[in-house]
Protein backbone atom coordinates (compact mmCIF):
# COMPACT_ATOMS: atom_id res chain seq x y z
CA SER A 1 30.06 -15.43 1.81
CA PRO A 2 28.05 -13.28 -0.59
CA ALA A 3 30.98 -13.12 -3.00
CA GLU A 4 31.24 -16.93 -3.11
CA LEU A 5 27.49 -17.20 -3.59
CA ALA A 6 27.67 -14.71 -6.43
CA SER A 7 30.26 -16.81 -8.24
CA ARG A 8 29.10 -20.33 -7.34
CA GLY A 9 25.47 -20.07 -6.27
CA ASP A 10 23.85 -21.08 -9.54
CA ARG A 11 26.15 -24.10 -9.86
CA ILE A 12 25.27 -25.14 -6.28
CA VAL A 13 21.55 -24.92 -7.09
CA ALA A 14 22.00 -26.94 -10.29
CA ALA A 15 24.03 -29.59 -8.46
CA TYR A 16 21.44 -29.83 -5.66
CA ASP A 17 18.66 -30.12 -8.21
CA ALA A 18 20.43 -32.86 -10.18
CA ALA A 19 21.84 -34.86 -7.28
CA ILE A 20 19.08 -34.56 -4.67
CA LEU A 21 15.80 -33.05 -5.81
CA GLN A 22 15.28 -34.76 -9.17
CA PRO A 23 16.08 -38.26 -7.84
CA LEU A 24 13.64 -37.66 -4.96
CA LEU A 25 10.93 -36.55 -7.34
CA GLN A 26 11.45 -39.64 -9.51
CA THR A 27 11.52 -42.18 -6.68
CA LYS A 28 8.31 -44.00 -5.84
CA ALA A 29 8.11 -44.76 -2.15
CA PRO A 30 6.36 -47.83 -0.77
CA ALA A 31 2.85 -47.11 0.52
CA GLU A 32 3.95 -47.22 4.16
CA ASP A 33 6.55 -44.50 3.51
CA ALA A 34 4.53 -42.36 1.08
CA ALA A 35 3.62 -39.63 3.57
CA ALA A 36 7.18 -39.21 4.83
CA ALA A 37 8.54 -39.32 1.28
CA GLY A 38 6.06 -36.62 0.27
CA ARG A 39 7.21 -34.41 3.13
CA LEU A 40 10.82 -35.03 2.13
CA ARG A 41 10.08 -34.02 -1.47
CA HIS A 42 8.34 -30.86 -0.30
CA ILE A 43 11.26 -29.92 1.96
CA ALA A 44 13.73 -30.63 -0.85
CA GLN A 45 11.82 -28.27 -3.14
CA GLU A 46 11.79 -25.61 -0.43
CA GLN A 47 15.51 -26.12 0.06
CA ARG A 48 16.20 -25.75 -3.66
CA ASP A 49 14.21 -22.49 -3.59
CA ALA A 50 16.16 -21.30 -0.54
CA LEU A 51 19.44 -22.12 -2.27
CA GLN A 52 18.36 -20.16 -5.35
CA ALA A 53 17.36 -17.22 -3.16
CA LEU A 54 20.76 -17.45 -1.45
CA ALA A 55 22.50 -17.36 -4.82
CA ASP A 56 20.43 -14.35 -5.87
CA ALA A 57 21.11 -12.52 -2.60
CA GLY A 58 24.82 -13.23 -3.00
CA LYS A 59 24.77 -11.71 -6.47
CA LYS A 60 23.16 -8.58 -5.01
CA GLY A 61 25.61 -8.47 -2.08
CA ASP A 62 22.67 -8.57 0.34
CA VAL A 63 24.42 -9.83 3.46
CA GLN A 64 21.36 -9.62 5.72
CA THR A 65 19.29 -11.77 3.37
CA VAL A 66 22.18 -14.21 2.93
CA ARG A 67 22.36 -14.68 6.72
CA ARG A 68 18.59 -15.15 7.05
CA LEU A 69 18.46 -17.64 4.19
CA ALA A 70 21.50 -19.54 5.45
CA VAL A 71 19.63 -20.14 8.72
CA ARG A 72 16.52 -21.24 6.81
CA ASN A 73 18.57 -23.58 4.64
CA ALA A 74 20.14 -25.16 7.73
CA GLN A 75 16.67 -25.68 9.23
CA LEU A 76 15.42 -27.32 6.06
CA ASN A 77 18.54 -29.49 5.88
CA GLY A 78 17.92 -30.66 9.44
CA GLN A 79 14.27 -31.46 8.72
CA ALA A 80 15.21 -33.36 5.57
CA GLY A 81 17.87 -35.30 7.46
CA ASP A 82 15.38 -36.28 10.17
CA ILE A 83 12.88 -37.59 7.63
CA ALA A 84 15.57 -39.36 5.61
CA ARG A 85 16.75 -41.16 8.75
CA GLN A 86 13.15 -42.17 9.51
CA LEU A 87 13.04 -43.66 6.03
CA GLY A 88 16.19 -45.67 6.71
CA ALA A 89 18.99 -43.49 5.37
CA LYS A 90 22.25 -44.35 7.08
CA SER A 91 24.06 -41.04 6.62
CA CYS A 92 22.36 -37.63 6.60
CA THR A 93 23.55 -34.27 7.81
């Protein structure tokens, strides 16, 4: 909800950045996986940006933008999960 995003959004973004994005950016993929890993990094950066925009929209109480960005975040999450599974991840949502 926008109220939850207003109170927790920045912490969610920071946690995503620390737990997912930064490790992805620091990992060197083998040559055969470099293209997929690059796509995954790009999607992860887009997702971090979407999460920040969600947090900002929550702070403003902008329900329409929250709904639109929640859909976008889910799409990015699905794309990231597909690529992660291609790279051998056992558990992705």
